[in-house]
Amino acid sequence: MASMEPSEDDISQVIDFAGLNPVDDRNLVINALRNNNRNVETVVMQYFDNAESFRQKYTSLWNESMFSADRDGAAGTDGVRCMKGELSTPMGRVPSGS
């Protein structure tokens, strides 16, 4: 089974054809190639069809806030809330004022 990882040649071709930055846009190009079966022509055409949409679709940004919020999306900086006024600690639940 062939690897779905794009080759250096595939990456270079997209960067050259589209006039992209070889350092700043490398991950963008790799993501686009992975999602298009390493088809250089398809990736280049998508870029020229709508560069802004292309960047939004294939830019992967890490969002640390996804891991610091509670299940409802509220910022939680003082521990895991169990019940109103309690915190979960390795020693069990304790009142938050303690």
Protein backbone atom coordinates (compact mmCIF):
# COMPACT_ATOMS: atom_id res chain seq x y z
CA MET A 1 0.00 0.00 0.00
CA ALA A 2 1.41 3.39 -0.99
CA SER A 3 2.06 6.00 1.65
CA MET A 4 -0.34 8.95 1.72
CA GLU A 5 2.48 11.21 2.93
CA PRO A 6 3.36 13.70 0.20
CA SER A 7 6.87 13.52 -1.21
CA GLU A 8 9.28 16.44 -1.07
CA ASP A 9 8.86 16.74 -4.83
CA ASP A 10 5.06 17.04 -4.49
CA ILE A 11 5.43 19.71 -1.80
CA SER A 12 7.98 21.67 -3.85
CA GLN A 13 5.81 21.54 -6.98
CA VAL A 14 2.79 23.02 -5.20
CA ILE A 15 4.89 25.71 -3.52
CA ASP A 16 6.55 26.63 -6.84
CA PHE A 17 3.40 26.59 -8.98
CA ALA A 18 1.34 28.60 -6.48
CA GLY A 19 4.16 30.95 -5.48
CA LEU A 20 3.80 30.08 -1.80
CA ASN A 21 6.38 30.63 0.94
CA PRO A 22 8.46 27.43 1.29
CA VAL A 23 8.81 27.88 5.06
CA ASP A 24 5.58 29.51 6.23
CA ASP A 25 3.23 27.60 3.90
CA ARG A 26 4.86 24.15 4.04
CA ASN A 27 2.37 22.64 6.54
CA LEU A 28 -0.51 24.19 4.61
CA VAL A 29 0.66 22.42 1.44
CA ILE A 30 1.26 19.11 3.24
CA ASN A 31 -2.28 19.16 4.68
CA ALA A 32 -3.76 19.98 1.28
CA LEU A 33 -1.84 17.17 -0.42
CA ARG A 34 -2.83 14.65 2.27
CA ASN A 35 -6.49 15.55 1.82
CA ASN A 36 -6.32 15.30 -1.97
CA ASN A 37 -4.57 11.95 -2.43
CA ARG A 38 -1.23 13.69 -3.12
CA ASN A 39 -2.63 15.18 -6.34
CA VAL A 40 -0.52 18.26 -7.07
CA GLU A 41 -2.78 19.49 -9.87
CA THR A 42 -5.91 19.36 -7.70
CA VAL A 43 -4.20 21.24 -4.87
CA VAL A 44 -2.85 23.97 -7.16
CA MET A 45 -6.27 24.38 -8.84
CA GLN A 46 -7.97 24.68 -5.43
CA TYR A 47 -5.48 27.36 -4.44
CA PHE A 48 -6.05 29.42 -7.59
CA ASP A 49 -9.83 28.97 -7.42
CA ASN A 50 -10.00 30.66 -4.00
CA ALA A 51 -6.76 31.25 -2.08
CA GLU A 52 -8.51 32.54 1.06
CA SER A 53 -10.81 29.52 1.29
CA PHE A 54 -7.85 27.23 0.60
CA ARG A 55 -5.89 28.74 3.48
CA GLN A 56 -8.86 28.47 5.86
CA LYS A 57 -9.48 24.85 4.90
CA TYR A 58 -5.92 23.56 5.19
CA THR A 59 -4.38 25.73 7.88
CA SER A 60 -4.19 23.82 11.11
CA LEU A 61 -4.01 26.02 14.17
CA TRP A 62 -3.63 24.66 17.67
CA ASN A 63 -6.21 26.08 20.02
CA GLU A 64 -5.10 25.49 23.61
CA SER A 65 -8.35 26.95 24.95
CA MET A 66 -10.13 23.77 23.86
CA PHE A 67 -8.34 21.97 26.68
CA SER A 68 -8.75 24.51 29.46
CA ALA A 69 -12.51 25.00 29.30
CA ASP A 70 -15.21 22.97 30.97
CA ARG A 71 -17.67 20.93 28.93
CA ASP A 72 -19.84 24.00 28.33
CA GLY A 73 -16.92 26.08 27.05
CA ALA A 74 -16.50 28.28 30.12
CA ALA A 75 -12.91 28.97 31.16
CA GLY A 76 -11.90 26.87 34.14
CA THR A 77 -8.65 27.83 35.83
CA ASP A 78 -9.11 26.61 39.40
CA GLY A 79 -9.64 22.87 38.90
CA VAL A 80 -12.44 20.60 37.86
CA ARG A 81 -15.78 21.67 39.26
CA CYS A 82 -17.80 18.91 40.85
CA MET A 83 -20.70 20.80 42.32
CA LYS A 84 -21.19 24.46 42.93
CA GLY A 85 -18.60 25.49 45.48
CA GLU A 86 -16.50 22.28 45.30
CA LEU A 87 -13.27 21.40 43.56
CA SER A 88 -11.97 17.97 42.64
CA THR A 89 -8.46 17.31 43.99
CA PRO A 90 -6.31 14.18 44.31
CA MET A 91 -7.46 14.01 47.94
CA GLY A 92 -11.16 14.21 47.09
CA ARG A 93 -13.70 16.99 46.93
CA VAL A 94 -13.11 20.08 49.01
CA PRO A 95 -15.04 23.33 49.40
CA SER A 96 -13.62 25.97 47.03
CA GLY A 97 -13.08 28.45 49.87
CA SER A 98 -10.58 26.17 51.66
